Amino acid sequence: MEIKSTIAALAALAQETRLAIFRYLVVAGPVGAPAGKIGALFKMPLSTLSFHLKELKIARLLESRRDGRSLIYAANFATINQLLGYLTEHCCAGSACAPAVSQPSRKGAAR
C-alpha cells in the first residue's frame, strides 16, 4: 500500500461517525448492509450518511453494490489487510508476529 493511500484511509477513519459505520460494516462482513439500515441504525439522514459513506469509499475502505433499489455497503477487506500490513510491516523486526485480518465467513456475519 502506498503512503498516500494509507493516509487517505486513516484520515477517513479519523472521524467518529465514519469510524462507527466502518466498524459496523466490518462486523457485517462481506454481506454488508443496505444504506437505509445503516442510516436508521445511526439515526442520521440519508444525505449525511451518504457523505460519510462517500468518504469511506474514496479511501477504498468500503465497496458498494446495487440490489434492486438498495445500495449495499460492505467493508473492503483487501484494503483493510493492505492497511494493516503497511502499518505492521516492520513489527517485531520483520517477523510474522501479528496475524493479518481475515475476511469473516458469511456464517459469522451480522445481519
PDB file of N, CA and C in Angstrom:
ATOM      1  N   MET A   1       0.860  -1.175   0.000  1.00  0.00           N
ATOM      2  CA  MET A   1       0.000   0.000   0.000  1.00  0.00           C
ATOM      3  C   MET A   1       0.899   1.228   0.000  1.00  0.00           C
ATOM      4  N   GLU A   2       0.539   2.186  -0.816  1.00  0.00           N
ATOM      5  CA  GLU A   2       1.296   3.431  -0.915  1.00  0.00           C
ATOM      6  C   GLU A   2       0.985   4.338   0.268  1.00  0.00           C
ATOM      7  N   ILE A   3       1.895   5.219   0.580  1.00  0.00           N
ATOM      8  CA  ILE A   3       1.706   6.113   1.723  1.00  0.00           C
ATOM      9  C   ILE A   3       0.490   7.023   1.548  1.00  0.00           C
ATOM     10  N   LYS A   4       0.223   7.488   0.329  1.00  0.00           N
ATOM     11  CA  LYS A   4      -0.942   8.361   0.106  1.00  0.00           C
ATOM     12  C   LYS A   4      -2.245   7.612   0.361  1.00  0.00           C
ATOM     13  N   SER A   5      -2.306   6.349  -0.037  1.00  0.00           N
ATOM     14  CA  SER A   5      -3.498   5.538   0.219  1.00  0.00           C
ATOM     15  C   SER A   5      -3.657   5.277   1.712  1.00  0.00           C
ATOM     16  N   THR A   6      -2.552   5.071   2.389  1.00  0.00           N
ATOM     17  CA  THR A   6      -2.580   4.850   3.831  1.00  0.00           C
ATOM     18  C   THR A   6      -3.102   6.090   4.546  1.00  0.00           C
ATOM     19  N   ILE A   7      -2.597   7.246   4.173  1.00  0.00           N
ATOM     20  CA  ILE A   7      -3.042   8.496   4.791  1.00  0.00           C
ATOM     21  C   ILE A   7      -4.517   8.739   4.517  1.00  0.00           C
ATOM     22  N   ALA A   8      -4.972   8.459   3.303  1.00  0.00           N
ATOM     23  CA  ALA A   8      -6.389   8.646   2.962  1.00  0.00           C
ATOM     24  C   ALA A   8      -7.275   7.730   3.806  1.00  0.00           C
ATOM     25  N   ALA A   9      -6.860   6.482   3.991  1.00  0.00           N
ATOM     26  CA  ALA A   9      -7.652   5.536   4.796  1.00  0.00           C
ATOM     27  C   ALA A   9      -7.696   5.976   6.255  1.00  0.00           C
ATOM     28  N   LEU A  10      -6.548   6.349   6.785  1.00  0.00           N
ATOM     29  CA  LEU A  10      -6.516   6.777   8.185  1.00  0.00           C
ATOM     30  C   LEU A  10      -7.295   8.070   8.393  1.00  0.00           C
ATOM     31  N   ALA A  11      -7.228   8.979   7.431  1.00  0.00           N
ATOM     32  CA  ALA A  11      -7.979  10.233   7.528  1.00  0.00           C
ATOM     33  C   ALA A  11      -9.486   9.969   7.500  1.00  0.00           C
ATOM     34  N   ALA A  12      -9.905   9.040   6.661  1.00  0.00           N
ATOM     35  CA  ALA A  12     -11.333   8.708   6.587  1.00  0.00           C
ATOM     36  C   ALA A  12     -11.822   8.122   7.902  1.00  0.00           C
ATOM     37  N   LEU A  13     -10.968   7.378   8.569  1.00  0.00           N
ATOM     38  CA  LEU A  13     -11.353   6.751   9.830  1.00  0.00           C
ATOM     39  C   LEU A  13     -11.196   7.680  11.037  1.00  0.00           C
ATOM     40  N   ALA A  14     -10.574   8.827  10.829  1.00  0.00           N
ATOM     41  CA  ALA A  14     -10.303   9.760  11.930  1.00  0.00           C
ATOM     42  C   ALA A  14     -11.492  10.681  12.190  1.00  0.00           C
ATOM     43  N   GLN A  15     -12.671  10.118  12.119  1.00  0.00           N
ATOM     44  CA  GLN A  15     -13.911  10.863  12.378  1.00  0.00           C
ATOM     45  C   GLN A  15     -14.864   9.878  13.047  1.00  0.00           C
ATOM     46  N   GLU A  16     -15.471  10.299  14.131  1.00  0.00           N
ATOM     47  CA  GLU A  16     -16.247   9.387  14.988  1.00  0.00           C
ATOM     48  C   GLU A  16     -17.349   8.628  14.246  1.00  0.00           C
ATOM     49  N   THR A  17     -18.148   9.315  13.456  1.00  0.00           N
ATOM     50  CA  THR A  17     -19.255   8.668  12.756  1.00  0.00           C
ATOM     51  C   THR A  17     -18.747   7.675  11.724  1.00  0.00           C
ATOM     52  N   ARG A  18     -17.753   8.085  10.935  1.00  0.00           N
ATOM     53  CA  ARG A  18     -17.219   7.178   9.914  1.00  0.00           C
ATOM     54  C   ARG A  18     -16.571   5.955  10.544  1.00  0.00           C
ATOM     55  N   LEU A  19     -15.877   6.139  11.646  1.00  0.00           N
ATOM     56  CA  LEU A  19     -15.266   5.005  12.325  1.00  0.00           C
ATOM     57  C   LEU A  19     -16.339   4.043  12.822  1.00  0.00           C
ATOM     58  N   ALA A  20     -17.421   4.570  13.362  1.00  0.00           N
ATOM     59  CA  ALA A  20     -18.516   3.709  13.848  1.00  0.00           C
ATOM     60  C   ALA A  20     -19.170   2.955  12.697  1.00  0.00           C
ATOM     61  N   ILE A  21     -19.422   3.627  11.581  1.00  0.00           N
ATOM     62  CA  ILE A  21     -20.017   2.975  10.404  1.00  0.00           C
ATOM     63  C   ILE A  21     -19.080   1.883   9.888  1.00  0.00           C
ATOM     64  N   PHE A  22     -17.805   2.206   9.786  1.00  0.00           N
ATOM     65  CA  PHE A  22     -16.814   1.249   9.302  1.00  0.00           C
ATOM     66  C   PHE A  22     -16.788   0.009  10.197  1.00  0.00           C
ATOM     67  N   ARG A  23     -16.749   0.207  11.507  1.00  0.00           N
ATOM     68  CA  ARG A  23     -16.708  -0.926  12.442  1.00  0.00           C
ATOM     69  C   ARG A  23     -17.974  -1.773  12.325  1.00  0.00           C
ATOM     70  N   TYR A  24     -19.115  -1.128  12.147  1.00  0.00           N
ATOM     71  CA  TYR A  24     -20.368  -1.862  11.968  1.00  0.00           C
ATOM     72  C   TYR A  24     -20.290  -2.734  10.717  1.00  0.00           C
ATOM     73  N   LEU A  25     -19.772  -2.170   9.626  1.00  0.00           N
ATOM     74  CA  LEU A  25     -19.707  -2.923   8.373  1.00  0.00           C
ATOM     75  C   LEU A  25     -18.641  -4.026   8.418  1.00  0.00           C
ATOM     76  N   VAL A  26     -17.611  -3.855   9.200  1.00  0.00           N
ATOM     77  CA  VAL A  26     -16.634  -4.941   9.389  1.00  0.00           C
ATOM     78  C   VAL A  26     -17.324  -6.120  10.058  1.00  0.00           C
ATOM     79  N   VAL A  27     -18.141  -5.835  11.070  1.00  0.00           N
ATOM     80  CA  VAL A  27     -18.879  -6.904  11.751  1.00  0.00           C
ATOM     81  C   VAL A  27     -19.877  -7.556  10.799  1.00  0.00           C
ATOM     82  N   ALA A  28     -20.509  -6.743   9.941  1.00  0.00           N
ATOM     83  CA  ALA A  28     -21.489  -7.288   8.984  1.00  0.00           C
ATOM     84  C   ALA A  28     -20.834  -8.229   7.983  1.00  0.00           C
ATOM     85  N   GLY A  29     -19.540  -8.088   7.767  1.00  0.00           N
ATOM     86  CA  GLY A  29     -18.815  -8.970   6.860  1.00  0.00           C
ATOM     87  C   GLY A  29     -19.106  -8.675   5.404  1.00  0.00           C
ATOM     88  N   PRO A  30     -18.800  -9.602   4.526  1.00  0.00           N
ATOM     89  CA  PRO A  30     -18.950  -9.384   3.088  1.00  0.00           C
ATOM     90  C   PRO A  30     -20.403  -9.208   2.644  1.00  0.00           C
ATOM     91  N   VAL A  31     -21.341  -9.649   3.458  1.00  0.00           N
ATOM     92  CA  VAL A  31     -22.759  -9.473   3.130  1.00  0.00           C
ATOM     93  C   VAL A  31     -23.108  -7.985   3.136  1.00  0.00           C
ATOM     94  N   GLY A  32     -22.518  -7.237   4.046  1.00  0.00           N
ATOM     95  CA  GLY A  32     -22.751  -5.805   4.135  1.00  0.00           C
ATOM     96  C   GLY A  32     -24.125  -5.463   4.671  1.00  0.00           C
ATOM     97  N   ALA A  33     -24.535  -4.221   4.408  1.00  0.00           N
ATOM     98  CA  ALA A  33     -25.834  -3.738   4.875  1.00  0.00           C
ATOM     99  C   ALA A  33     -26.329  -2.650   3.941  1.00  0.00           C
ATOM    100  N   PRO A  34     -27.646  -2.556   3.767  1.00  0.00           N
ATOM    101  CA  PRO A  34     -28.200  -1.503   2.920  1.00  0.00           C
ATOM    102  C   PRO A  34     -28.053  -0.140   3.581  1.00  0.00           C
ATOM    103  N   ALA A  35     -27.915   0.887   2.764  1.00  0.00           N
ATOM    104  CA  ALA A  35     -27.745   2.252   3.264  1.00  0.00           C
ATOM    105  C   ALA A  35     -28.881   2.645   4.203  1.00  0.00           C
ATOM    106  N   GLY A  36     -30.098   2.281   3.880  1.00  0.00           N
ATOM    107  CA  GLY A  36     -31.239   2.624   4.719  1.00  0.00           C
ATOM    108  C   GLY A  36     -31.127   2.044   6.117  1.00  0.00           C
ATOM    109  N   LYS A  37     -30.660   0.823   6.216  1.00  0.00           N
ATOM    110  CA  LYS A  37     -30.489   0.182   7.526  1.00  0.00           C
ATOM    111  C   LYS A  37     -29.382   0.871   8.317  1.00  0.00           C
ATOM    112  N   ILE A  38     -28.298   1.228   7.637  1.00  0.00           N
ATOM    113  CA  ILE A  38     -27.194   1.924   8.307  1.00  0.00           C
ATOM    114  C   ILE A  38     -27.670   3.276   8.818  1.00  0.00           C
ATOM    115  N   GLY A  39     -28.409   4.010   7.972  1.00  0.00           N
ATOM    116  CA  GLY A  39     -28.933   5.310   8.367  1.00  0.00           C
ATOM    117  C   GLY A  39     -29.862   5.218   9.562  1.00  0.00           C
ATOM    118  N   ALA A  40     -30.722   4.213   9.567  1.00  0.00           N
ATOM    119  CA  ALA A  40     -31.654   4.031  10.679  1.00  0.00           C
ATOM    120  C   ALA A  40     -30.903   3.668  11.955  1.00  0.00           C
ATOM    121  N   LEU A  41     -29.921   2.790  11.842  1.00  0.00           N
ATOM    122  CA  LEU A  41     -29.149   2.365  12.996  1.00  0.00           C
ATOM    123  C   LEU A  41     -28.404   3.537  13.634  1.00  0.00           C
ATOM    124  N   PHE A  42     -27.826   4.389  12.796  1.00  0.00           N
ATOM    125  CA  PHE A  42     -27.046   5.521  13.301  1.00  0.00           C
ATOM    126  C   PHE A  42     -27.880   6.795  13.432  1.00  0.00           C
ATOM    127  N   LYS A  43     -29.181   6.676  13.172  1.00  0.00           N
ATOM    128  CA  LYS A  43     -30.130   7.783  13.330  1.00  0.00           C
ATOM    129  C   LYS A  43     -29.643   9.058  12.641  1.00  0.00           C
ATOM    130  N   MET A  44     -29.388   8.912  11.336  1.00  0.00           N
ATOM    131  CA  MET A  44     -28.946  10.081  10.577  1.00  0.00           C
ATOM    132  C   MET A  44     -29.651  10.135   9.237  1.00  0.00           C
ATOM    133  N   PRO A  45     -29.863  11.344   8.734  1.00  0.00           N
ATOM    134  CA  PRO A  45     -30.490  11.490   7.421  1.00  0.00           C
ATOM    135  C   PRO A  45     -29.620  10.843   6.341  1.00  0.00           C
ATOM    136  N   LEU A  46     -30.261  10.369   5.289  1.00  0.00           N
ATOM    137  CA  LEU A  46     -29.513   9.693   4.222  1.00  0.00           C
ATOM    138  C   LEU A  46     -28.491  10.614   3.564  1.00  0.00           C
ATOM    139  N   SER A  47     -28.764  11.930   3.516  1.00  0.00           N
ATOM    140  CA  SER A  47     -27.788  12.842   2.912  1.00  0.00           C
ATOM    141  C   SER A  47     -26.506  12.891   3.744  1.00  0.00           C
ATOM    142  N   THR A  48     -26.626  12.895   5.055  1.00  0.00           N
ATOM    143  CA  THR A  48     -25.454  12.886   5.926  1.00  0.00           C
ATOM    144  C   THR A  48     -24.739  11.544   5.827  1.00  0.00           C
ATOM    145  N   LEU A  49     -25.502  10.475   5.840  1.00  0.00           N
ATOM    146  CA  LEU A  49     -24.924   9.143   5.706  1.00  0.00           C
ATOM    147  C   LEU A  49     -24.178   9.019   4.384  1.00  0.00           C
ATOM    148  N   SER A  50     -24.777   9.516   3.329  1.00  0.00           N
ATOM    149  CA  SER A  50     -24.171   9.453   2.001  1.00  0.00           C
ATOM    150  C   SER A  50     -22.797  10.126   1.991  1.00  0.00           C
ATOM    151  N   PHE A  51     -22.686  11.248   2.671  1.00  0.00           N
ATOM    152  CA  PHE A  51     -21.400  11.954   2.760  1.00  0.00           C
ATOM    153  C   PHE A  51     -20.353  11.058   3.422  1.00  0.00           C
ATOM    154  N   HIS A  52     -20.698  10.444   4.545  1.00  0.00           N
ATOM    155  CA  HIS A  52     -19.741   9.603   5.266  1.00  0.00           C
ATOM    156  C   HIS A  52     -19.384   8.350   4.469  1.00  0.00           C
ATOM    157  N   LEU A  53     -20.368   7.726   3.845  1.00  0.00           N
ATOM    158  CA  LEU A  53     -20.094   6.541   3.027  1.00  0.00           C
ATOM    159  C   LEU A  53     -19.195   6.895   1.845  1.00  0.00           C
ATOM    160  N   LYS A  54     -19.420   8.053   1.245  1.00  0.00           N
ATOM    161  CA  LYS A  54     -18.593   8.504   0.119  1.00  0.00           C
ATOM    162  C   LYS A  54     -17.135   8.645   0.550  1.00  0.00           C
ATOM    163  N   GLU A  55     -16.902   9.233   1.706  1.00  0.00           N
ATOM    164  CA  GLU A  55     -15.533   9.400   2.199  1.00  0.00           C
ATOM    165  C   GLU A  55     -14.850   8.049   2.426  1.00  0.00           C
ATOM    166  N   LEU A  56     -15.577   7.105   2.964  1.00  0.00           N
ATOM    167  CA  LEU A  56     -15.017   5.774   3.182  1.00  0.00           C
ATOM    168  C   LEU A  56     -14.767   5.043   1.860  1.00  0.00           C
ATOM    169  N   LYS A  57     -15.638   5.272   0.872  1.00  0.00           N
ATOM    170  CA  LYS A  57     -15.439   4.655  -0.451  1.00  0.00           C
ATOM    171  C   LYS A  57     -14.242   5.260  -1.171  1.00  0.00           C
ATOM    172  N   ILE A  58     -14.076   6.578  -1.070  1.00  0.00           N
ATOM    173  CA  ILE A  58     -12.929   7.235  -1.702  1.00  0.00           C
ATOM    174  C   ILE A  58     -11.631   6.657  -1.147  1.00  0.00           C
ATOM    175  N   ALA A  59     -11.622   6.354   0.147  1.00  0.00           N
ATOM    176  CA  ALA A  59     -10.441   5.772   0.788  1.00  0.00           C
ATOM    177  C   ALA A  59     -10.332   4.270   0.521  1.00  0.00           C
ATOM    178  N   ARG A  60     -11.271   3.716  -0.248  1.00  0.00           N
ATOM    179  CA  ARG A  60     -11.320   2.302  -0.621  1.00  0.00           C
ATOM    180  C   ARG A  60     -11.521   1.377   0.576  1.00  0.00           C
ATOM    181  N   LEU A  61     -12.101   1.900   1.652  1.00  0.00           N
ATOM    182  CA  LEU A  61     -12.394   1.084   2.827  1.00  0.00           C
ATOM    183  C   LEU A  61     -13.737   0.381   2.709  1.00  0.00           C
ATOM    184  N   LEU A  62     -14.596   0.870   1.812  1.00  0.00           N
ATOM    185  CA  LEU A  62     -15.904   0.271   1.577  1.00  0.00           C
ATOM    186  C   LEU A  62     -16.084  -0.017   0.107  1.00  0.00           C
ATOM    187  N   GLU A  63     -16.927  -0.992  -0.163  1.00  0.00           N
ATOM    188  CA  GLU A  63     -17.385  -1.301  -1.517  1.00  0.00           C
ATOM    189  C   GLU A  63     -18.903  -1.180  -1.496  1.00  0.00           C
ATOM    190  N   SER A  64     -19.494  -0.941  -2.646  1.00  0.00           N
ATOM    191  CA  SER A  64     -20.956  -0.904  -2.701  1.00  0.00           C
ATOM    192  C   SER A  64     -21.429  -1.687  -3.912  1.00  0.00           C
ATOM    193  N   ARG A  65     -22.656  -2.176  -3.800  1.00  0.00           N
ATOM    194  CA  ARG A  65     -23.287  -2.874  -4.920  1.00  0.00           C
ATOM    195  C   ARG A  65     -24.776  -2.567  -4.865  1.00  0.00           C
ATOM    196  N   ARG A  66     -25.394  -2.617  -5.996  1.00  0.00           N
ATOM    197  CA  ARG A  66     -26.822  -2.350  -6.073  1.00  0.00           C
ATOM    198  C   ARG A  66     -27.576  -3.669  -5.964  1.00  0.00           C
ATOM    199  N   ASP A  67     -28.632  -3.644  -5.167  1.00  0.00           N
ATOM    200  CA  ASP A  67     -29.526  -4.795  -5.030  1.00  0.00           C
ATOM    201  C   ASP A  67     -30.939  -4.247  -5.197  1.00  0.00           C
ATOM    202  N   GLY A  68     -31.450  -4.324  -6.412  1.00  0.00           N
ATOM    203  CA  GLY A  68     -32.746  -3.708  -6.695  1.00  0.00           C
ATOM    204  C   GLY A  68     -32.621  -2.201  -6.557  1.00  0.00           C
ATOM    205  N   ARG A  69     -33.405  -1.621  -5.669  1.00  0.00           N
ATOM    206  CA  ARG A  69     -33.346  -0.173  -5.450  1.00  0.00           C
ATOM    207  C   ARG A  69     -32.414   0.209  -4.307  1.00  0.00           C
ATOM    208  N   SER A  70     -31.845  -0.788  -3.635  1.00  0.00           N
ATOM    209  CA  SER A  70     -30.977  -0.524  -2.478  1.00  0.00           C
ATOM    210  C   SER A  70     -29.511  -0.534  -2.865  1.00  0.00           C
ATOM    211  N   LEU A  71     -28.743   0.291  -2.172  1.00  0.00           N
ATOM    212  CA  LEU A  71     -27.290   0.219  -2.253  1.00  0.00           C
ATOM    213  C   LEU A  71     -26.813  -0.515  -1.015  1.00  0.00           C
ATOM    214  N   ILE A  72     -26.035  -1.563  -1.233  1.00  0.00           N
ATOM    215  CA  ILE A  72     -25.498  -2.367  -0.146  1.00  0.00           C
ATOM    216  C   ILE A  72     -24.025  -1.991   0.011  1.00  0.00           C
ATOM    217  N   TYR A  73     -23.643  -1.671   1.236  1.00  0.00           N
ATOM    218  CA  TYR A  73     -22.259  -1.305   1.529  1.00  0.00           C
ATOM    219  C   TYR A  73     -21.616  -2.402   2.352  1.00  0.00           C
ATOM    220  N   ALA A  74     -20.345  -2.683   2.050  1.00  0.00           N
ATOM    221  CA  ALA A  74     -19.597  -3.705   2.775  1.00  0.00           C
ATOM    222  C   ALA A  74     -18.150  -3.238   2.934  1.00  0.00           C
ATOM    223  N   ALA A  75     -17.518  -3.694   3.984  1.00  0.00           N
ATOM    224  CA  ALA A  75     -16.109  -3.381   4.201  1.00  0.00           C
ATOM    225  C   ALA A  75     -15.275  -4.013   3.089  1.00  0.00           C
ATOM    226  N   ASN A  76     -14.242  -3.307   2.670  1.00  0.00           N
ATOM    227  CA  ASN A  76     -13.324  -3.809   1.655  1.00  0.00           C
ATOM    228  C   ASN A  76     -12.151  -4.464   2.395  1.00  0.00           C
ATOM    229  N   PHE A  77     -12.243  -5.764   2.597  1.00  0.00           N
ATOM    230  CA  PHE A  77     -11.251  -6.465   3.403  1.00  0.00           C
ATOM    231  C   PHE A  77      -9.875  -6.496   2.752  1.00  0.00           C
ATOM    232  N   ALA A  78      -9.791  -6.413   1.435  1.00  0.00           N
ATOM    233  CA  ALA A  78      -8.490  -6.359   0.772  1.00  0.00           C
ATOM    234  C   ALA A  78      -7.748  -5.087   1.184  1.00  0.00           C
ATOM    235  N   THR A  79      -8.441  -3.958   1.182  1.00  0.00           N
ATOM    236  CA  THR A  79      -7.813  -2.702   1.590  1.00  0.00           C
ATOM    237  C   THR A  79      -7.462  -2.729   3.074  1.00  0.00           C
ATOM    238  N   ILE A  80      -8.344  -3.294   3.892  1.00  0.00           N
ATOM    239  CA  ILE A  80      -8.074  -3.377   5.330  1.00  0.00           C
ATOM    240  C   ILE A  80      -6.795  -4.186   5.566  1.00  0.00           C
ATOM    241  N   ASN A  81      -6.661  -5.299   4.883  1.00  0.00           N
ATOM    242  CA  ASN A  81      -5.452  -6.125   5.033  1.00  0.00           C
ATOM    243  C   ASN A  81      -4.214  -5.383   4.551  1.00  0.00           C
ATOM    244  N   GLN A  82      -4.326  -4.645   3.449  1.00  0.00           N
ATOM    245  CA  GLN A  82      -3.189  -3.861   2.958  1.00  0.00           C
ATOM    246  C   GLN A  82      -2.799  -2.788   3.967  1.00  0.00           C
ATOM    247  N   LEU A  83      -3.794  -2.120   4.532  1.00  0.00           N
ATOM    248  CA  LEU A  83      -3.533  -1.068   5.513  1.00  0.00           C
ATOM    249  C   LEU A  83      -2.838  -1.651   6.747  1.00  0.00           C
ATOM    250  N   LEU A  84      -3.387  -2.746   7.265  1.00  0.00           N
ATOM    251  CA  LEU A  84      -2.763  -3.369   8.441  1.00  0.00           C
ATOM    252  C   LEU A  84      -1.364  -3.886   8.122  1.00  0.00           C
ATOM    253  N   GLY A  85      -1.185  -4.418   6.931  1.00  0.00           N
ATOM    254  CA  GLY A  85       0.136  -4.877   6.515  1.00  0.00           C
ATOM    255  C   GLY A  85       1.131  -3.739   6.458  1.00  0.00           C
ATOM    256  N   TYR A  86       0.699  -2.605   5.907  1.00  0.00           N
ATOM    257  CA  TYR A  86       1.575  -1.432   5.835  1.00  0.00           C
ATOM    258  C   TYR A  86       1.938  -0.944   7.233  1.00  0.00           C
ATOM    259  N   LEU A  87       0.935  -0.875   8.120  1.00  0.00           N
ATOM    260  CA  LEU A  87       1.168  -0.356   9.468  1.00  0.00           C
ATOM    261  C   LEU A  87       2.033  -1.277  10.317  1.00  0.00           C
ATOM    262  N   THR A  88       1.994  -2.568  10.042  1.00  0.00           N
ATOM    263  CA  THR A  88       2.750  -3.528  10.857  1.00  0.00           C
ATOM    264  C   THR A  88       3.916  -4.153  10.095  1.00  0.00           C
ATOM    265  N   GLU A  89       4.282  -3.574   8.982  1.00  0.00           N
ATOM    266  CA  GLU A  89       5.309  -4.142   8.107  1.00  0.00           C
ATOM    267  C   GLU A  89       6.614  -4.453   8.835  1.00  0.00           C
ATOM    268  N   HIS A  90       7.017  -3.591   9.736  1.00  0.00           N
ATOM    269  CA  HIS A  90       8.297  -3.794  10.423  1.00  0.00           C
ATOM    270  C   HIS A  90       8.098  -4.192  11.882  1.00  0.00           C
ATOM    271  N   CYS A  91       6.926  -4.677  12.186  1.00  0.00           N
ATOM    272  CA  CYS A  91       6.616  -5.130  13.545  1.00  0.00           C
ATOM    273  C   CYS A  91       7.531  -6.288  13.924  1.00  0.00           C
ATOM    274  N   CYS A  92       7.979  -6.291  15.130  1.00  0.00           N
ATOM    275  CA  CYS A  92       8.798  -7.397  15.654  1.00  0.00           C
ATOM    276  C   CYS A  92       9.989  -7.682  14.743  1.00  0.00           C
ATOM    277  N   ALA A  93      10.629  -6.622  14.280  1.00  0.00           N
ATOM    278  CA  ALA A  93      11.815  -6.726  13.426  1.00  0.00           C
ATOM    279  C   ALA A  93      11.549  -7.530  12.152  1.00  0.00           C
ATOM    280  N   GLY A  94      10.340  -7.412  11.627  1.00  0.00           N
ATOM    281  CA  GLY A  94      10.016  -8.051  10.363  1.00  0.00           C
ATOM    282  C   GLY A  94       9.535  -9.489  10.464  1.00  0.00           C
ATOM    283  N   SER A  95       9.496 -10.060  11.656  1.00  0.00           N
ATOM    284  CA  SER A  95       8.996 -11.424  11.777  1.00  0.00           C
ATOM    285  C   SER A  95       7.470 -11.406  11.765  1.00  0.00           C
ATOM    286  N   ALA A  96       6.872 -12.520  11.503  1.00  0.00           N
ATOM    287  CA  ALA A  96       5.411 -12.617  11.399  1.00  0.00           C
ATOM    288  C   ALA A  96       4.797 -12.810  12.786  1.00  0.00           C
ATOM    289  N   CYS A  97       4.815 -11.773  13.601  1.00  0.00           N
ATOM    290  CA  CYS A  97       4.302 -11.901  14.962  1.00  0.00           C
ATOM    291  C   CYS A  97       2.839 -11.495  15.088  1.00  0.00           C
ATOM    292  N   ALA A  98       2.338 -10.680  14.175  1.00  0.00           N
ATOM    293  CA  ALA A  98       0.952 -10.200  14.269  1.00  0.00           C
ATOM    294  C   ALA A  98       0.137 -10.778  13.124  1.00  0.00           C
ATOM    295  N   PRO A  99      -0.954 -11.466  13.430  1.00  0.00           N
ATOM    296  CA  PRO A  99      -1.777 -12.038  12.362  1.00  0.00           C
ATOM    297  C   PRO A  99      -2.517 -10.949  11.586  1.00  0.00           C
ATOM    298  N   ALA A 100      -2.693 -11.162  10.314  1.00  0.00           N
ATOM    299  CA  ALA A 100      -3.456 -10.240   9.466  1.00  0.00           C
ATOM    300  C   ALA A 100      -4.941 -10.478   9.684  1.00  0.00           C
ATOM    301  N   VAL A 101      -5.733  -9.477   9.368  1.00  0.00           N
ATOM    302  CA  VAL A 101      -7.186  -9.609   9.446  1.00  0.00           C
ATOM    303  C   VAL A 101      -7.623 -10.511   8.314  1.00  0.00           C
ATOM    304  N   SER A 102      -8.486 -11.443   8.610  1.00  0.00           N
ATOM    305  CA  SER A 102      -9.010 -12.290   7.549  1.00  0.00           C
ATOM    306  C   SER A 102     -10.477 -11.938   7.321  1.00  0.00           C
ATOM    307  N   GLN A 103     -10.937 -12.192   6.146  1.00  0.00           N
ATOM    308  CA  GLN A 103     -12.324 -11.900   5.806  1.00  0.00           C
ATOM    309  C   GLN A 103     -13.226 -12.857   6.564  1.00  0.00           C
ATOM    310  N   PRO A 104     -14.191 -12.317   7.330  1.00  0.00           N
ATOM    311  CA  PRO A 104     -15.080 -13.211   8.077  1.00  0.00           C
ATOM    312  C   PRO A 104     -15.954 -14.023   7.145  1.00  0.00           C
ATOM    313  N   SER A 105     -16.355 -15.182   7.629  1.00  0.00           N
ATOM    314  CA  SER A 105     -17.245 -16.011   6.821  1.00  0.00           C
ATOM    315  C   SER A 105     -18.645 -15.445   6.860  1.00  0.00           C
ATOM    316  N   ARG A 106     -19.456 -15.785   5.876  1.00  0.00           N
ATOM    317  CA  ARG A 106     -20.852 -15.330   5.851  1.00  0.00           C
ATOM    318  C   ARG A 106     -21.614 -15.878   7.057  1.00  0.00           C
ATOM    319  N   LYS A 107     -21.224 -17.055   7.503  1.00  0.00           N
ATOM    320  CA  LYS A 107     -21.903 -17.702   8.614  1.00  0.00           C
ATOM    321  C   LYS A 107     -21.825 -16.847   9.882  1.00  0.00           C
ATOM    322  N   GLY A 108     -20.674 -16.195  10.135  1.00  0.00           N
ATOM    323  CA  GLY A 108     -20.497 -15.417  11.342  1.00  0.00           C
ATOM    324  C   GLY A 108     -20.848 -13.961  11.185  1.00  0.00           C
ATOM    325  N   ALA A 109     -21.296 -13.550  10.007  1.00  0.00           N
ATOM    326  CA  ALA A 109     -21.591 -12.134   9.757  1.00  0.00           C
ATOM    327  C   ALA A 109     -22.894 -11.716  10.413  1.00  0.00           C
ATOM    328  N   ALA A 110     -22.889 -10.490  10.921  1.00  0.00           N
ATOM    329  CA  ALA A 110     -24.126  -9.915  11.490  1.00  0.00           C
ATOM    330  C   ALA A 110     -25.061  -9.534  10.364  1.00  0.00           C
ATOM    331  N   ARG A 111     -26.340  -9.635  10.595  1.00  0.00           N
ATOM    332  CA  ARG A 111     -27.312  -9.265   9.562  1.00  0.00           C
ATOM    333  C   ARG A 111     -28.209  -8.191  10.049  1.00  0.00           C
TER     334      ARG A 111
END
